[in-house]
Amino acid sequence: MNRGGFSWKRFVGISRVKSNISRKIGIPLTRSGRQRKVGAMLGCCLPFILIGLIVTWILFSLL
């Protein structure tokens, strides 16, 4: 378990710069952060996508 060891990135300030950039542009710089953001966006829009697909399927089946 990590007991709060020394980090060169935190000492030099890289972590703070990356955090500030990420907040300003609104996009996480880490891969997992980007995946979480996309997942949250899709989770929010998923009902609308499903309704659109169902309506499209009904319209094409009537033609």
N, C-alpha and C. Protein backbone atom coordinates (compact mmCIF):
# COMPACT_ATOMS: atom_id res chain seq x y z
N MET A 1 0.84 -1.18 0.00
CA MET A 1 0.00 0.00 0.00
C MET A 1 0.89 1.24 0.00
N ASN A 2 0.50 2.24 -0.75
CA ASN A 2 1.28 3.46 -0.85
C ASN A 2 1.13 4.28 0.43
N ARG A 3 2.25 4.72 0.96
CA ARG A 3 2.24 5.50 2.20
C ARG A 3 2.58 6.96 1.95
N GLY A 4 2.30 7.44 0.77
CA GLY A 4 2.57 8.85 0.46
C GLY A 4 4.03 9.11 0.15
N GLY A 5 4.60 8.31 -0.73
CA GLY A 5 6.00 8.47 -1.10
C GLY A 5 6.26 9.73 -1.90
N PHE A 6 7.52 9.98 -2.18
CA PHE A 6 7.93 11.18 -2.91
C PHE A 6 7.60 11.05 -4.39
N SER A 7 7.10 12.11 -4.98
CA SER A 7 6.77 12.13 -6.40
C SER A 7 7.47 13.30 -7.07
N TRP A 8 8.30 12.99 -8.07
CA TRP A 8 8.99 14.04 -8.82
C TRP A 8 8.01 14.91 -9.59
N LYS A 9 6.97 14.31 -10.13
CA LYS A 9 6.00 15.09 -10.91
C LYS A 9 5.31 16.13 -10.04
N ARG A 10 4.96 15.75 -8.82
CA ARG A 10 4.33 16.71 -7.92
C ARG A 10 5.35 17.77 -7.47
N PHE A 11 6.58 17.35 -7.22
CA PHE A 11 7.62 18.27 -6.77
C PHE A 11 7.91 19.34 -7.82
N VAL A 12 7.99 18.93 -9.08
CA VAL A 12 8.32 19.85 -10.17
C VAL A 12 7.10 20.70 -10.55
N GLY A 13 5.89 20.19 -10.31
CA GLY A 13 4.67 20.93 -10.62
C GLY A 13 3.95 20.46 -11.85
N ILE A 14 4.36 19.32 -12.40
CA ILE A 14 3.72 18.80 -13.61
C ILE A 14 2.27 18.44 -13.32
N SER A 15 2.01 17.86 -12.16
CA SER A 15 0.64 17.46 -11.81
C SER A 15 -0.29 18.67 -11.76
N ARG A 16 0.19 19.77 -11.21
CA ARG A 16 -0.64 20.97 -11.11
C ARG A 16 -0.92 21.57 -12.48
N VAL A 17 0.10 21.60 -13.34
CA VAL A 17 -0.08 22.15 -14.68
C VAL A 17 -1.09 21.31 -15.47
N LYS A 18 -0.94 19.98 -15.41
CA LYS A 18 -1.88 19.11 -16.12
C LYS A 18 -3.30 19.28 -15.59
N SER A 19 -3.43 19.42 -14.29
CA SER A 19 -4.75 19.60 -13.69
C SER A 19 -5.38 20.91 -14.14
N ASN A 20 -4.59 21.98 -14.16
CA ASN A 20 -5.12 23.28 -14.59
C ASN A 20 -5.53 23.26 -16.06
N ILE A 21 -4.71 22.64 -16.90
CA ILE A 21 -5.04 22.55 -18.33
C ILE A 21 -6.32 21.77 -18.51
N SER A 22 -6.43 20.65 -17.81
CA SER A 22 -7.60 19.80 -17.93
C SER A 22 -8.88 20.54 -17.53
N ARG A 23 -8.80 21.32 -16.47
CA ARG A 23 -9.97 22.09 -16.03
C ARG A 23 -10.35 23.16 -17.04
N LYS A 24 -9.34 23.82 -17.61
CA LYS A 24 -9.63 24.92 -18.55
C LYS A 24 -10.24 24.42 -19.85
N ILE A 25 -9.72 23.32 -20.39
CA ILE A 25 -10.25 22.83 -21.67
C ILE A 25 -11.47 21.95 -21.49
N GLY A 26 -11.71 21.48 -20.26
CA GLY A 26 -12.90 20.68 -19.98
C GLY A 26 -12.80 19.24 -20.42
N ILE A 27 -11.60 18.80 -20.78
CA ILE A 27 -11.40 17.42 -21.22
C ILE A 27 -10.31 16.80 -20.35
N PRO A 28 -10.59 15.66 -19.70
CA PRO A 28 -9.56 15.02 -18.89
C PRO A 28 -8.37 14.58 -19.74
N LEU A 29 -7.16 14.69 -19.19
CA LEU A 29 -5.96 14.33 -19.92
C LEU A 29 -5.60 12.85 -19.76
N THR A 30 -6.22 12.17 -18.80
CA THR A 30 -5.94 10.75 -18.62
C THR A 30 -6.90 9.92 -19.45
N ARG A 31 -6.46 8.75 -19.83
CA ARG A 31 -7.29 7.87 -20.65
C ARG A 31 -8.56 7.47 -19.90
N SER A 32 -8.42 7.10 -18.64
CA SER A 32 -9.59 6.67 -17.87
C SER A 32 -10.55 7.84 -17.66
N GLY A 33 -10.02 9.05 -17.50
CA GLY A 33 -10.88 10.22 -17.35
C GLY A 33 -11.69 10.50 -18.60
N ARG A 34 -11.03 10.38 -19.76
CA ARG A 34 -11.75 10.57 -21.02
C ARG A 34 -12.82 9.50 -21.21
N GLN A 35 -12.50 8.25 -20.86
CA GLN A 35 -13.48 7.17 -20.98
C GLN A 35 -14.68 7.41 -20.07
N ARG A 36 -14.44 7.89 -18.85
CA ARG A 36 -15.54 8.19 -17.93
C ARG A 36 -16.42 9.30 -18.47
N LYS A 37 -15.78 10.32 -19.06
CA LYS A 37 -16.55 11.45 -19.60
C LYS A 37 -17.43 10.99 -20.76
N VAL A 38 -16.87 10.20 -21.67
CA VAL A 38 -17.65 9.69 -22.80
C VAL A 38 -18.77 8.78 -22.31
N GLY A 39 -18.47 7.94 -21.34
CA GLY A 39 -19.49 7.05 -20.79
C GLY A 39 -20.63 7.81 -20.15
N ALA A 40 -20.30 8.88 -19.45
CA ALA A 40 -21.34 9.70 -18.82
C ALA A 40 -22.20 10.39 -19.87
N MET A 41 -21.56 10.85 -20.95
CA MET A 41 -22.32 11.51 -22.02
C MET A 41 -23.24 10.52 -22.72
N LEU A 42 -22.75 9.32 -22.99
CA LEU A 42 -23.58 8.32 -23.65
C LEU A 42 -24.70 7.84 -22.75
N GLY A 43 -24.42 7.71 -21.47
CA GLY A 43 -25.44 7.28 -20.52
C GLY A 43 -26.58 8.27 -20.46
N CYS A 44 -26.26 9.54 -20.62
CA CYS A 44 -27.27 10.59 -20.59
C CYS A 44 -28.11 10.58 -21.87
N CYS A 45 -27.47 10.31 -23.00
CA CYS A 45 -28.15 10.39 -24.30
C CYS A 45 -28.73 9.06 -24.76
N LEU A 46 -28.42 8.00 -24.07
CA LEU A 46 -28.83 6.68 -24.52
C LEU A 46 -30.35 6.54 -24.71
N PRO A 47 -31.18 7.03 -23.79
CA PRO A 47 -32.63 6.92 -24.02
C PRO A 47 -33.08 7.62 -25.31
N PHE A 48 -32.50 8.78 -25.60
CA PHE A 48 -32.88 9.51 -26.82
C PHE A 48 -32.44 8.76 -28.07
N ILE A 49 -31.26 8.13 -28.01
CA ILE A 49 -30.77 7.35 -29.14
C ILE A 49 -31.68 6.16 -29.38
N LEU A 50 -32.07 5.48 -28.32
CA LEU A 50 -32.95 4.32 -28.45
C LEU A 50 -34.32 4.71 -29.00
N ILE A 51 -34.86 5.81 -28.52
CA ILE A 51 -36.16 6.28 -29.03
C ILE A 51 -36.04 6.62 -30.51
N GLY A 52 -34.96 7.27 -30.90
CA GLY A 52 -34.75 7.60 -32.32
C GLY A 52 -34.65 6.37 -33.18
N LEU A 53 -33.95 5.34 -32.70
CA LEU A 53 -33.83 4.09 -33.46
C LEU A 53 -35.18 3.40 -33.59
N ILE A 54 -35.97 3.40 -32.53
CA ILE A 54 -37.28 2.75 -32.57
C ILE A 54 -38.20 3.49 -33.54
N VAL A 55 -38.20 4.81 -33.49
CA VAL A 55 -39.05 5.60 -34.40
C VAL A 55 -38.61 5.37 -35.84
N THR A 56 -37.32 5.34 -36.09
CA THR A 56 -36.81 5.09 -37.44
C THR A 56 -37.22 3.71 -37.92
N TRP A 57 -37.11 2.71 -37.06
CA TRP A 57 -37.49 1.35 -37.43
C TRP A 57 -38.98 1.25 -37.76
N ILE A 58 -39.80 1.95 -36.96
CA ILE A 58 -41.25 1.93 -37.21
C ILE A 58 -41.56 2.60 -38.54
N LEU A 59 -40.93 3.74 -38.83
CA LEU A 59 -41.18 4.45 -40.08
C LEU A 59 -40.78 3.62 -41.30
N PHE A 60 -39.63 2.95 -41.22
CA PHE A 60 -39.18 2.14 -42.35
C PHE A 60 -40.01 0.87 -42.50
N SER A 61 -40.55 0.37 -41.40
CA SER A 61 -41.36 -0.85 -41.52
C SER A 61 -42.73 -0.53 -42.12
N LEU A 62 -43.19 0.71 -41.97
CA LEU A 62 -44.48 1.10 -42.54
C LEU A 62 -44.38 1.34 -44.05
N LEU A 63 -43.19 1.66 -44.53
CA LEU A 63 -43.04 1.95 -45.96
C LEU A 63 -42.99 0.72 -46.74
